[in-house]
Amino acid sequence: MKMFRIVQKILFALLLVPLLTVTSLAGEKVVVRVDGLSCAYCAYSLEKNLQKLDGVEKVEINLEEGIATLQLKEGAVLKIEVVEKTVKDSGFTPRSVKKVEETKRDDT
């Protein structure tokens, strides 16, 4: 009976490991609504300044909607105040800054 319990626990562990690797945390995104973005040069300037922040992997600017999306590196921590200051120092007004945690299914 004791051997059966040990085998049962081993099988359960072997079945659980692949399930844990299927869903992985892709990181966090920070979405910034920005007032004052009026041209492609403005967007490029803001993108370059936000890209310099520690922990930022990628920056995308939607000029029409006035939104900057920052993809953070895995495990990175970025303070909202730092993002707001960078936007202000770039000559724009940060209307809102929100962290969005996302999960990504990896079916490979």
PDB file of N, CA and C in Angstrom:
ATOM      1  N   MET A   1       0.812  -1.191   0.000  1.00  0.00           N
ATOM      2  CA  MET A   1       0.000   0.000   0.000  1.00  0.00           C
ATOM      3  C   MET A   1       0.861   1.262   0.000  1.00  0.00           C
ATOM      4  N   LYS A   2       1.948   1.231   0.762  1.00  0.00           N
ATOM      5  CA  LYS A   2       2.851   2.366   0.828  1.00  0.00           C
ATOM      6  C   LYS A   2       3.517   2.601  -0.530  1.00  0.00           C
ATOM      7  N   MET A   3       3.889   1.534  -1.202  1.00  0.00           N
ATOM      8  CA  MET A   3       4.518   1.635  -2.520  1.00  0.00           C
ATOM      9  C   MET A   3       3.544   2.241  -3.530  1.00  0.00           C
ATOM     10  N   PHE A   4       2.285   1.873  -3.428  1.00  0.00           N
ATOM     11  CA  PHE A   4       1.257   2.414  -4.327  1.00  0.00           C
ATOM     12  C   PHE A   4       1.152   3.932  -4.167  1.00  0.00           C
ATOM     13  N   ARG A   5       1.181   4.417  -2.947  1.00  0.00           N
ATOM     14  CA  ARG A   5       1.111   5.856  -2.669  1.00  0.00           C
ATOM     15  C   ARG A   5       2.311   6.600  -3.263  1.00  0.00           C
ATOM     16  N   ILE A   6       3.487   6.006  -3.150  1.00  0.00           N
ATOM     17  CA  ILE A   6       4.697   6.622  -3.701  1.00  0.00           C
ATOM     18  C   ILE A   6       4.601   6.704  -5.219  1.00  0.00           C
ATOM     19  N   VAL A   7       4.192   5.636  -5.850  1.00  0.00           N
ATOM     20  CA  VAL A   7       4.038   5.613  -7.307  1.00  0.00           C
ATOM     21  C   VAL A   7       2.972   6.623  -7.732  1.00  0.00           C
ATOM     22  N   GLN A   8       1.905   6.707  -6.983  1.00  0.00           N
ATOM     23  CA  GLN A   8       0.823   7.647  -7.281  1.00  0.00           C
ATOM     24  C   GLN A   8       1.335   9.091  -7.230  1.00  0.00           C
ATOM     25  N   LYS A   9       2.129   9.424  -6.234  1.00  0.00           N
ATOM     26  CA  LYS A   9       2.677  10.782  -6.100  1.00  0.00           C
ATOM     27  C   LYS A   9       3.654  11.101  -7.226  1.00  0.00           C
ATOM     28  N   ILE A  10       4.453  10.128  -7.611  1.00  0.00           N
ATOM     29  CA  ILE A  10       5.401  10.337  -8.709  1.00  0.00           C
ATOM     30  C   ILE A  10       4.657  10.584 -10.015  1.00  0.00           C
ATOM     31  N   LEU A  11       3.640   9.787 -10.294  1.00  0.00           N
ATOM     32  CA  LEU A  11       2.859   9.974 -11.514  1.00  0.00           C
ATOM     33  C   LEU A  11       2.155  11.328 -11.524  1.00  0.00           C
ATOM     34  N   PHE A  12       1.628  11.723 -10.394  1.00  0.00           N
ATOM     35  CA  PHE A  12       0.971  13.025 -10.297  1.00  0.00           C
ATOM     36  C   PHE A  12       1.968  14.149 -10.590  1.00  0.00           C
ATOM     37  N   ALA A  13       3.162  14.055 -10.031  1.00  0.00           N
ATOM     38  CA  ALA A  13       4.190  15.063 -10.259  1.00  0.00           C
ATOM     39  C   ALA A  13       4.596  15.111 -11.728  1.00  0.00           C
ATOM     40  N   LEU A  14       4.722  13.965 -12.353  1.00  0.00           N
ATOM     41  CA  LEU A  14       5.103  13.919 -13.766  1.00  0.00           C
ATOM     42  C   LEU A  14       4.024  14.511 -14.666  1.00  0.00           C
ATOM     43  N   LEU A  15       2.786  14.361 -14.287  1.00  0.00           N
ATOM     44  CA  LEU A  15       1.694  14.940 -15.056  1.00  0.00           C
ATOM     45  C   LEU A  15       1.549  16.440 -14.813  1.00  0.00           C
ATOM     46  N   LEU A  16       1.910  16.900 -13.646  1.00  0.00           N
ATOM     47  CA  LEU A  16       1.758  18.299 -13.283  1.00  0.00           C
ATOM     48  C   LEU A  16       2.820  19.189 -13.931  1.00  0.00           C
ATOM     49  N   VAL A  17       4.025  18.727 -14.078  1.00  0.00           N
ATOM     50  CA  VAL A  17       5.125  19.540 -14.608  1.00  0.00           C
ATOM     51  C   VAL A  17       4.816  20.098 -15.997  1.00  0.00           C
ATOM     52  N   PRO A  18       4.356  19.305 -16.966  1.00  0.00           N
ATOM     53  CA  PRO A  18       4.044  19.889 -18.280  1.00  0.00           C
ATOM     54  C   PRO A  18       2.936  20.936 -18.219  1.00  0.00           C
ATOM     55  N   LEU A  19       1.987  20.779 -17.336  1.00  0.00           N
ATOM     56  CA  LEU A  19       0.917  21.760 -17.215  1.00  0.00           C
ATOM     57  C   LEU A  19       1.438  23.103 -16.727  1.00  0.00           C
ATOM     58  N   LEU A  20       2.422  23.077 -15.866  1.00  0.00           N
ATOM     59  CA  LEU A  20       2.991  24.319 -15.348  1.00  0.00           C
ATOM     60  C   LEU A  20       3.755  25.078 -16.419  1.00  0.00           C
ATOM     61  N   THR A  21       4.330  24.389 -17.391  1.00  0.00           N
ATOM     62  CA  THR A  21       5.106  25.056 -18.433  1.00  0.00           C
ATOM     63  C   THR A  21       4.238  25.552 -19.578  1.00  0.00           C
ATOM     64  N   VAL A  22       2.976  25.129 -19.670  1.00  0.00           N
ATOM     65  CA  VAL A  22       2.101  25.554 -20.755  1.00  0.00           C
ATOM     66  C   VAL A  22       1.726  27.025 -20.616  1.00  0.00           C
ATOM     67  N   THR A  23       1.420  27.475 -19.416  1.00  0.00           N
ATOM     68  CA  THR A  23       1.057  28.862 -19.192  1.00  0.00           C
ATOM     69  C   THR A  23       2.232  29.567 -18.543  1.00  0.00           C
ATOM     70  N   SER A  24       2.710  30.619 -19.211  1.00  0.00           N
ATOM     71  CA  SER A  24       3.839  31.351 -18.650  1.00  0.00           C
ATOM     72  C   SER A  24       3.510  32.834 -18.612  1.00  0.00           C
ATOM     73  N   LEU A  25       4.057  33.507 -17.644  1.00  0.00           N
ATOM     74  CA  LEU A  25       3.846  34.942 -17.510  1.00  0.00           C
ATOM     75  C   LEU A  25       4.715  35.645 -18.536  1.00  0.00           C
ATOM     76  N   ALA A  26       4.091  36.386 -19.422  1.00  0.00           N
ATOM     77  CA  ALA A  26       4.817  37.053 -20.499  1.00  0.00           C
ATOM     78  C   ALA A  26       5.432  38.366 -20.038  1.00  0.00           C
ATOM     79  N   GLY A  27       5.086  38.816 -18.876  1.00  0.00           N
ATOM     80  CA  GLY A  27       5.596  40.089 -18.395  1.00  0.00           C
ATOM     81  C   GLY A  27       4.461  41.072 -18.230  1.00  0.00           C
ATOM     82  N   GLU A  28       4.792  42.272 -17.939  1.00  0.00           N
ATOM     83  CA  GLU A  28       3.799  43.305 -17.755  1.00  0.00           C
ATOM     84  C   GLU A  28       3.897  44.322 -18.871  1.00  0.00           C
ATOM     85  N   LYS A  29       2.773  44.917 -19.129  1.00  0.00           N
ATOM     86  CA  LYS A  29       2.736  46.047 -20.049  1.00  0.00           C
ATOM     87  C   LYS A  29       2.306  47.262 -19.251  1.00  0.00           C
ATOM     88  N   VAL A  30       2.838  48.397 -19.633  1.00  0.00           N
ATOM     89  CA  VAL A  30       2.433  49.662 -19.049  1.00  0.00           C
ATOM     90  C   VAL A  30       1.829  50.480 -20.181  1.00  0.00           C
ATOM     91  N   VAL A  31       0.582  50.910 -19.991  1.00  0.00           N
ATOM     92  CA  VAL A  31      -0.112  51.685 -21.007  1.00  0.00           C
ATOM     93  C   VAL A  31      -0.215  53.124 -20.513  1.00  0.00           C
ATOM     94  N   VAL A  32       0.296  54.050 -21.337  1.00  0.00           N
ATOM     95  CA  VAL A  32       0.329  55.464 -20.965  1.00  0.00           C
ATOM     96  C   VAL A  32      -0.508  56.262 -21.960  1.00  0.00           C
ATOM     97  N   ARG A  33      -1.507  56.972 -21.454  1.00  0.00           N
ATOM     98  CA  ARG A  33      -2.261  57.894 -22.308  1.00  0.00           C
ATOM     99  C   ARG A  33      -1.536  59.231 -22.236  1.00  0.00           C
ATOM    100  N   VAL A  34      -1.197  59.765 -23.412  1.00  0.00           N
ATOM    101  CA  VAL A  34      -0.342  60.945 -23.487  1.00  0.00           C
ATOM    102  C   VAL A  34      -1.054  62.062 -24.248  1.00  0.00           C
ATOM    103  N   ASP A  35      -1.098  63.244 -23.639  1.00  0.00           N
ATOM    104  CA  ASP A  35      -1.604  64.432 -24.329  1.00  0.00           C
ATOM    105  C   ASP A  35      -0.423  65.154 -24.974  1.00  0.00           C
ATOM    106  N   GLY A  36      -0.642  65.683 -26.182  1.00  0.00           N
ATOM    107  CA  GLY A  36       0.385  66.481 -26.838  1.00  0.00           C
ATOM    108  C   GLY A  36       1.100  65.791 -27.981  1.00  0.00           C
ATOM    109  N   LEU A  37       0.804  64.524 -28.218  1.00  0.00           N
ATOM    110  CA  LEU A  37       1.418  63.837 -29.362  1.00  0.00           C
ATOM    111  C   LEU A  37       0.723  64.306 -30.640  1.00  0.00           C
ATOM    112  N   SER A  38       1.459  65.028 -31.484  1.00  0.00           N
ATOM    113  CA  SER A  38       0.813  65.588 -32.671  1.00  0.00           C
ATOM    114  C   SER A  38       1.487  65.207 -33.985  1.00  0.00           C
ATOM    115  N   CYS A  39       2.691  64.656 -33.920  1.00  0.00           N
ATOM    116  CA  CYS A  39       3.374  64.313 -35.164  1.00  0.00           C
ATOM    117  C   CYS A  39       4.270  63.095 -34.961  1.00  0.00           C
ATOM    118  N   ALA A  40       4.750  62.576 -36.051  1.00  0.00           N
ATOM    119  CA  ALA A  40       5.598  61.386 -35.993  1.00  0.00           C
ATOM    120  C   ALA A  40       6.911  61.669 -35.252  1.00  0.00           C
ATOM    121  N   TYR A  41       7.442  62.876 -35.392  1.00  0.00           N
ATOM    122  CA  TYR A  41       8.674  63.222 -34.686  1.00  0.00           C
ATOM    123  C   TYR A  41       8.446  63.213 -33.172  1.00  0.00           C
ATOM    124  N   CYS A  42       7.277  63.734 -32.750  1.00  0.00           N
ATOM    125  CA  CYS A  42       6.936  63.717 -31.323  1.00  0.00           C
ATOM    126  C   CYS A  42       6.892  62.283 -30.808  1.00  0.00           C
ATOM    127  N   ALA A  43       6.234  61.419 -31.554  1.00  0.00           N
ATOM    128  CA  ALA A  43       6.104  60.016 -31.155  1.00  0.00           C
ATOM    129  C   ALA A  43       7.472  59.354 -31.087  1.00  0.00           C
ATOM    130  N   TYR A  44       8.327  59.638 -32.079  1.00  0.00           N
ATOM    131  CA  TYR A  44       9.668  59.046 -32.107  1.00  0.00           C
ATOM    132  C   TYR A  44      10.487  59.514 -30.910  1.00  0.00           C
ATOM    133  N   SER A  45      10.396  60.788 -30.592  1.00  0.00           N
ATOM    134  CA  SER A  45      11.138  61.351 -29.461  1.00  0.00           C
ATOM    135  C   SER A  45      10.701  60.705 -28.145  1.00  0.00           C
ATOM    136  N   LEU A  46       9.392  60.591 -27.941  1.00  0.00           N
ATOM    137  CA  LEU A  46       8.876  59.972 -26.724  1.00  0.00           C
ATOM    138  C   LEU A  46       9.276  58.504 -26.659  1.00  0.00           C
ATOM    139  N   GLU A  47       9.185  57.815 -27.773  1.00  0.00           N
ATOM    140  CA  GLU A  47       9.558  56.391 -27.818  1.00  0.00           C
ATOM    141  C   GLU A  47      11.008  56.192 -27.392  1.00  0.00           C
ATOM    142  N   LYS A  48      11.896  57.011 -27.904  1.00  0.00           N
ATOM    143  CA  LYS A  48      13.321  56.876 -27.570  1.00  0.00           C
ATOM    144  C   LYS A  48      13.573  57.153 -26.086  1.00  0.00           C
ATOM    145  N   ASN A  49      12.900  58.136 -25.522  1.00  0.00           N
ATOM    146  CA  ASN A  49      13.084  58.437 -24.100  1.00  0.00           C
ATOM    147  C   ASN A  49      12.528  57.338 -23.202  1.00  0.00           C
ATOM    148  N   LEU A  50      11.372  56.776 -23.563  1.00  0.00           N
ATOM    149  CA  LEU A  50      10.802  55.693 -22.763  1.00  0.00           C
ATOM    150  C   LEU A  50      11.635  54.418 -22.892  1.00  0.00           C
ATOM    151  N   GLN A  51      12.230  54.208 -24.059  1.00  0.00           N
ATOM    152  CA  GLN A  51      13.054  53.018 -24.296  1.00  0.00           C
ATOM    153  C   GLN A  51      14.299  53.013 -23.398  1.00  0.00           C
ATOM    154  N   LYS A  52      14.740  54.177 -22.949  1.00  0.00           N
ATOM    155  CA  LYS A  52      15.929  54.289 -22.100  1.00  0.00           C
ATOM    156  C   LYS A  52      15.682  53.849 -20.651  1.00  0.00           C
ATOM    157  N   LEU A  53      14.413  53.736 -20.252  1.00  0.00           N
ATOM    158  CA  LEU A  53      14.100  53.362 -18.872  1.00  0.00           C
ATOM    159  C   LEU A  53      14.532  51.933 -18.581  1.00  0.00           C
ATOM    160  N   ASP A  54      15.089  51.727 -17.386  1.00  0.00           N
ATOM    161  CA  ASP A  54      15.506  50.389 -16.971  1.00  0.00           C
ATOM    162  C   ASP A  54      14.306  49.452 -16.931  1.00  0.00           C
ATOM    163  N   GLY A  55      14.457  48.291 -17.530  1.00  0.00           N
ATOM    164  CA  GLY A  55      13.406  47.283 -17.498  1.00  0.00           C
ATOM    165  C   GLY A  55      12.468  47.307 -18.687  1.00  0.00           C
ATOM    166  N   VAL A  56      12.593  48.331 -19.536  1.00  0.00           N
ATOM    167  CA  VAL A  56      11.717  48.422 -20.711  1.00  0.00           C
ATOM    168  C   VAL A  56      12.337  47.628 -21.858  1.00  0.00           C
ATOM    169  N   GLU A  57      11.556  46.703 -22.375  1.00  0.00           N
ATOM    170  CA  GLU A  57      12.023  45.868 -23.487  1.00  0.00           C
ATOM    171  C   GLU A  57      11.634  46.465 -24.837  1.00  0.00           C
ATOM    172  N   LYS A  58      10.411  46.993 -24.917  1.00  0.00           N
ATOM    173  CA  LYS A  58       9.895  47.475 -26.200  1.00  0.00           C
ATOM    174  C   LYS A  58       8.881  48.578 -25.940  1.00  0.00           C
ATOM    175  N   VAL A  59       8.855  49.572 -26.839  1.00  0.00           N
ATOM    176  CA  VAL A  59       7.898  50.667 -26.743  1.00  0.00           C
ATOM    177  C   VAL A  59       7.169  50.793 -28.078  1.00  0.00           C
ATOM    178  N   GLU A  60       5.842  50.885 -27.999  1.00  0.00           N
ATOM    179  CA  GLU A  60       5.032  51.128 -29.188  1.00  0.00           C
ATOM    180  C   GLU A  60       4.196  52.379 -28.941  1.00  0.00           C
ATOM    181  N   ILE A  61       4.166  53.275 -29.933  1.00  0.00           N
ATOM    182  CA  ILE A  61       3.400  54.504 -29.824  1.00  0.00           C
ATOM    183  C   ILE A  61       2.265  54.469 -30.838  1.00  0.00           C
ATOM    184  N   ASN A  62       1.047  54.713 -30.374  1.00  0.00           N
ATOM    185  CA  ASN A  62      -0.099  54.868 -31.257  1.00  0.00           C
ATOM    186  C   ASN A  62      -0.394  56.354 -31.307  1.00  0.00           C
ATOM    187  N   LEU A  63       0.045  57.000 -32.371  1.00  0.00           N
ATOM    188  CA  LEU A  63      -0.041  58.451 -32.498  1.00  0.00           C
ATOM    189  C   LEU A  63      -1.489  58.928 -32.540  1.00  0.00           C
ATOM    190  N   GLU A  64      -2.341  58.211 -33.268  1.00  0.00           N
ATOM    191  CA  GLU A  64      -3.738  58.632 -33.413  1.00  0.00           C
ATOM    192  C   GLU A  64      -4.492  58.606 -32.078  1.00  0.00           C
ATOM    193  N   GLU A  65      -4.230  57.595 -31.267  1.00  0.00           N
ATOM    194  CA  GLU A  65      -4.933  57.460 -29.986  1.00  0.00           C
ATOM    195  C   GLU A  65      -4.190  58.119 -28.829  1.00  0.00           C
ATOM    196  N   GLY A  66      -2.942  58.519 -29.045  1.00  0.00           N
ATOM    197  CA  GLY A  66      -2.161  59.132 -27.984  1.00  0.00           C
ATOM    198  C   GLY A  66      -1.805  58.152 -26.882  1.00  0.00           C
ATOM    199  N   ILE A  67      -1.406  56.940 -27.288  1.00  0.00           N
ATOM    200  CA  ILE A  67      -1.093  55.891 -26.319  1.00  0.00           C
ATOM    201  C   ILE A  67       0.313  55.360 -26.553  1.00  0.00           C
ATOM    202  N   ALA A  68       1.065  55.251 -25.463  1.00  0.00           N
ATOM    203  CA  ALA A  68       2.377  54.599 -25.491  1.00  0.00           C
ATOM    204  C   ALA A  68       2.255  53.302 -24.703  1.00  0.00           C
ATOM    205  N   THR A  69       2.680  52.200 -25.301  1.00  0.00           N
ATOM    206  CA  THR A  69       2.632  50.904 -24.631  1.00  0.00           C
ATOM    207  C   THR A  69       4.056  50.431 -24.414  1.00  0.00           C
ATOM    208  N   LEU A  70       4.392  50.177 -23.162  1.00  0.00           N
ATOM    209  CA  LEU A  70       5.725  49.714 -22.797  1.00  0.00           C
ATOM    210  C   LEU A  70       5.645  48.243 -22.419  1.00  0.00           C
ATOM    211  N   GLN A  71       6.426  47.427 -23.079  1.00  0.00           N
ATOM    212  CA  GLN A  71       6.541  46.012 -22.718  1.00  0.00           C
ATOM    213  C   GLN A  71       7.759  45.896 -21.813  1.00  0.00           C
ATOM    214  N   LEU A  72       7.556  45.386 -20.607  1.00  0.00           N
ATOM    215  CA  LEU A  72       8.659  45.272 -19.658  1.00  0.00           C
ATOM    216  C   LEU A  72       9.367  43.934 -19.811  1.00  0.00           C
ATOM    217  N   LYS A  73      10.634  43.941 -19.474  1.00  0.00           N
ATOM    218  CA  LYS A  73      11.405  42.698 -19.452  1.00  0.00           C
ATOM    219  C   LYS A  73      10.874  41.824 -18.329  1.00  0.00           C
ATOM    220  N   GLU A  74      11.046  40.526 -18.472  1.00  0.00           N
ATOM    221  CA  GLU A  74      10.564  39.593 -17.455  1.00  0.00           C
ATOM    222  C   GLU A  74      11.185  39.906 -16.098  1.00  0.00           C
ATOM    223  N   GLY A  75      10.336  40.057 -15.101  1.00  0.00           N
ATOM    224  CA  GLY A  75      10.801  40.326 -13.747  1.00  0.00           C
ATOM    225  C   GLY A  75      11.120  41.785 -13.468  1.00  0.00           C
ATOM    226  N   ALA A  76      10.985  42.635 -14.468  1.00  0.00           N
ATOM    227  CA  ALA A  76      11.314  44.051 -14.290  1.00  0.00           C
ATOM    228  C   ALA A  76      10.236  44.761 -13.486  1.00  0.00           C
ATOM    229  N   VAL A  77      10.665  45.742 -12.714  1.00  0.00           N
ATOM    230  CA  VAL A  77       9.756  46.578 -11.938  1.00  0.00           C
ATOM    231  C   VAL A  77       9.972  48.016 -12.385  1.00  0.00           C
ATOM    232  N   LEU A  78       8.879  48.667 -12.730  1.00  0.00           N
ATOM    233  CA  LEU A  78       8.953  50.048 -13.202  1.00  0.00           C
ATOM    234  C   LEU A  78       7.915  50.867 -12.448  1.00  0.00           C
ATOM    235  N   LYS A  79       8.372  51.916 -11.796  1.00  0.00           N
ATOM    236  CA  LYS A  79       7.462  52.751 -11.019  1.00  0.00           C
ATOM    237  C   LYS A  79       6.705  53.706 -11.942  1.00  0.00           C
ATOM    238  N   ILE A  80       5.433  53.861 -11.648  1.00  0.00           N
ATOM    239  CA  ILE A  80       4.576  54.739 -12.440  1.00  0.00           C
ATOM    240  C   ILE A  80       5.110  56.171 -12.419  1.00  0.00           C
ATOM    241  N   GLU A  81       5.632  56.594 -11.277  1.00  0.00           N
ATOM    242  CA  GLU A  81       6.165  57.952 -11.151  1.00  0.00           C
ATOM    243  C   GLU A  81       7.321  58.196 -12.118  1.00  0.00           C
ATOM    244  N   VAL A  82       8.123  57.170 -12.350  1.00  0.00           N
ATOM    245  CA  VAL A  82       9.264  57.292 -13.271  1.00  0.00           C
ATOM    246  C   VAL A  82       8.762  57.468 -14.703  1.00  0.00           C
ATOM    247  N   VAL A  83       7.726  56.723 -15.053  1.00  0.00           N
ATOM    248  CA  VAL A  83       7.145  56.849 -16.391  1.00  0.00           C
ATOM    249  C   VAL A  83       6.552  58.245 -16.574  1.00  0.00           C
ATOM    250  N   GLU A  84       5.796  58.702 -15.573  1.00  0.00           N
ATOM    251  CA  GLU A  84       5.189  60.034 -15.657  1.00  0.00           C
ATOM    252  C   GLU A  84       6.249  61.119 -15.815  1.00  0.00           C
ATOM    253  N   LYS A  85       7.330  61.024 -15.049  1.00  0.00           N
ATOM    254  CA  LYS A  85       8.407  62.020 -15.130  1.00  0.00           C
ATOM    255  C   LYS A  85       9.063  62.008 -16.504  1.00  0.00           C
ATOM    256  N   THR A  86       9.288  60.815 -17.050  1.00  0.00           N
ATOM    257  CA  THR A  86       9.910  60.704 -18.371  1.00  0.00           C
ATOM    258  C   THR A  86       9.015  61.324 -19.440  1.00  0.00           C
ATOM    259  N   VAL A  87       7.705  61.074 -19.352  1.00  0.00           N
ATOM    260  CA  VAL A  87       6.768  61.667 -20.320  1.00  0.00           C
ATOM    261  C   VAL A  87       6.781  63.188 -20.193  1.00  0.00           C
ATOM    262  N   LYS A  88       6.750  63.699 -18.961  1.00  0.00           N
ATOM    263  CA  LYS A  88       6.779  65.156 -18.740  1.00  0.00           C
ATOM    264  C   LYS A  88       8.089  65.757 -19.234  1.00  0.00           C
ATOM    265  N   ASP A  89       9.217  65.106 -18.925  1.00  0.00           N
ATOM    266  CA  ASP A  89      10.519  65.604 -19.351  1.00  0.00           C
ATOM    267  C   ASP A  89      10.666  65.578 -20.869  1.00  0.00           C
ATOM    268  N   SER A  90       9.847  64.760 -21.534  1.00  0.00           N
ATOM    269  CA  SER A  90       9.867  64.684 -22.997  1.00  0.00           C
ATOM    270  C   SER A  90       8.979  65.760 -23.622  1.00  0.00           C
ATOM    271  N   GLY A  91       8.267  66.520 -22.774  1.00  0.00           N
ATOM    272  CA  GLY A  91       7.458  67.624 -23.267  1.00  0.00           C
ATOM    273  C   GLY A  91       5.977  67.304 -23.440  1.00  0.00           C
ATOM    274  N   PHE A  92       5.521  66.224 -22.835  1.00  0.00           N
ATOM    275  CA  PHE A  92       4.133  65.797 -22.990  1.00  0.00           C
ATOM    276  C   PHE A  92       3.464  65.680 -21.619  1.00  0.00           C
ATOM    277  N   THR A  93       2.151  65.506 -21.628  1.00  0.00           N
ATOM    278  CA  THR A  93       1.395  65.364 -20.394  1.00  0.00           C
ATOM    279  C   THR A  93       0.877  63.937 -20.275  1.00  0.00           C
ATOM    280  N   PRO A  94       1.299  63.228 -19.216  1.00  0.00           N
ATOM    281  CA  PRO A  94       0.758  61.879 -19.010  1.00  0.00           C
ATOM    282  C   PRO A  94      -0.649  61.975 -18.415  1.00  0.00           C
ATOM    283  N   ARG A  95      -1.651  61.547 -19.162  1.00  0.00           N
ATOM    284  CA  ARG A  95      -3.036  61.586 -18.687  1.00  0.00           C
ATOM    285  C   ARG A  95      -3.300  60.436 -17.724  1.00  0.00           C
ATOM    286  N   SER A  96      -2.809  59.240 -18.051  1.00  0.00           N
ATOM    287  CA  SER A  96      -2.953  58.097 -17.146  1.00  0.00           C
ATOM    288  C   SER A  96      -1.848  57.096 -17.441  1.00  0.00           C
ATOM    289  N   VAL A  97      -1.461  56.378 -16.398  1.00  0.00           N
ATOM    290  CA  VAL A  97      -0.457  55.323 -16.518  1.00  0.00           C
ATOM    291  C   VAL A  97      -1.004  54.106 -15.791  1.00  0.00           C
ATOM    292  N   LYS A  98      -1.137  53.002 -16.519  1.00  0.00           N
ATOM    293  CA  LYS A  98      -1.688  51.788 -15.914  1.00  0.00           C
ATOM    294  C   LYS A  98      -0.810  50.595 -16.241  1.00  0.00           C
ATOM    295  N   LYS A  99      -0.564  49.788 -15.224  1.00  0.00           N
ATOM    296  CA  LYS A  99       0.138  48.529 -15.437  1.00  0.00           C
ATOM    297  C   LYS A  99      -0.890  47.459 -15.774  1.00  0.00           C
ATOM    298  N   VAL A 100      -0.603  46.679 -16.788  1.00  0.00           N
ATOM    299  CA  VAL A 100      -1.498  45.610 -17.206  1.00  0.00           C
ATOM    300  C   VAL A 100      -0.694  44.325 -17.215  1.00  0.00           C
ATOM    301  N   GLU A 101      -1.084  43.390 -16.348  1.00  0.00           N
ATOM    302  CA  GLU A 101      -0.399  42.098 -16.314  1.00  0.00           C
ATOM    303  C   GLU A 101      -1.086  41.198 -17.306  1.00  0.00           C
ATOM    304  N   GLU A 102      -0.287  40.533 -18.132  1.00  0.00           N
ATOM    305  CA  GLU A 102      -0.877  39.647 -19.125  1.00  0.00           C
ATOM    306  C   GLU A 102      -0.242  38.276 -19.040  1.00  0.00           C
ATOM    307  N   THR A 103      -1.030  37.283 -19.361  1.00  0.00           N
ATOM    308  CA  THR A 103      -0.512  35.930 -19.435  1.00  0.00           C
ATOM    309  C   THR A 103      -0.623  35.466 -20.873  1.00  0.00           C
ATOM    310  N   LYS A 104       0.283  34.613 -21.249  1.00  0.00           N
ATOM    311  CA  LYS A 104       0.338  34.148 -22.617  1.00  0.00           C
ATOM    312  C   LYS A 104       0.397  32.633 -22.617  1.00  0.00           C
ATOM    313  N   ARG A 105      -0.465  32.020 -23.384  1.00  0.00           N
ATOM    314  CA  ARG A 105      -0.438  30.570 -23.491  1.00  0.00           C
ATOM    315  C   ARG A 105       0.602  30.181 -24.520  1.00  0.00           C
ATOM    316  N   ASP A 106       1.417  29.251 -24.175  1.00  0.00           N
ATOM    317  CA  ASP A 106       2.482  28.790 -25.044  1.00  0.00           C
ATOM    318  C   ASP A 106       2.232  27.317 -25.339  1.00  0.00           C
ATOM    319  N   ASP A 107       1.618  27.036 -26.476  1.00  0.00           N
ATOM    320  CA  ASP A 107       1.195  25.671 -26.791  1.00  0.00           C
ATOM    321  C   ASP A 107       2.249  24.860 -27.502  1.00  0.00           C
ATOM    322  N   THR A 108       3.498  25.280 -27.511  1.00  0.00           N
ATOM    323  CA  THR A 108       4.538  24.513 -28.184  1.00  0.00           C
ATOM    324  C   THR A 108       5.162  23.522 -27.281  1.00  0.00           C
TER     325      THR A 108
END
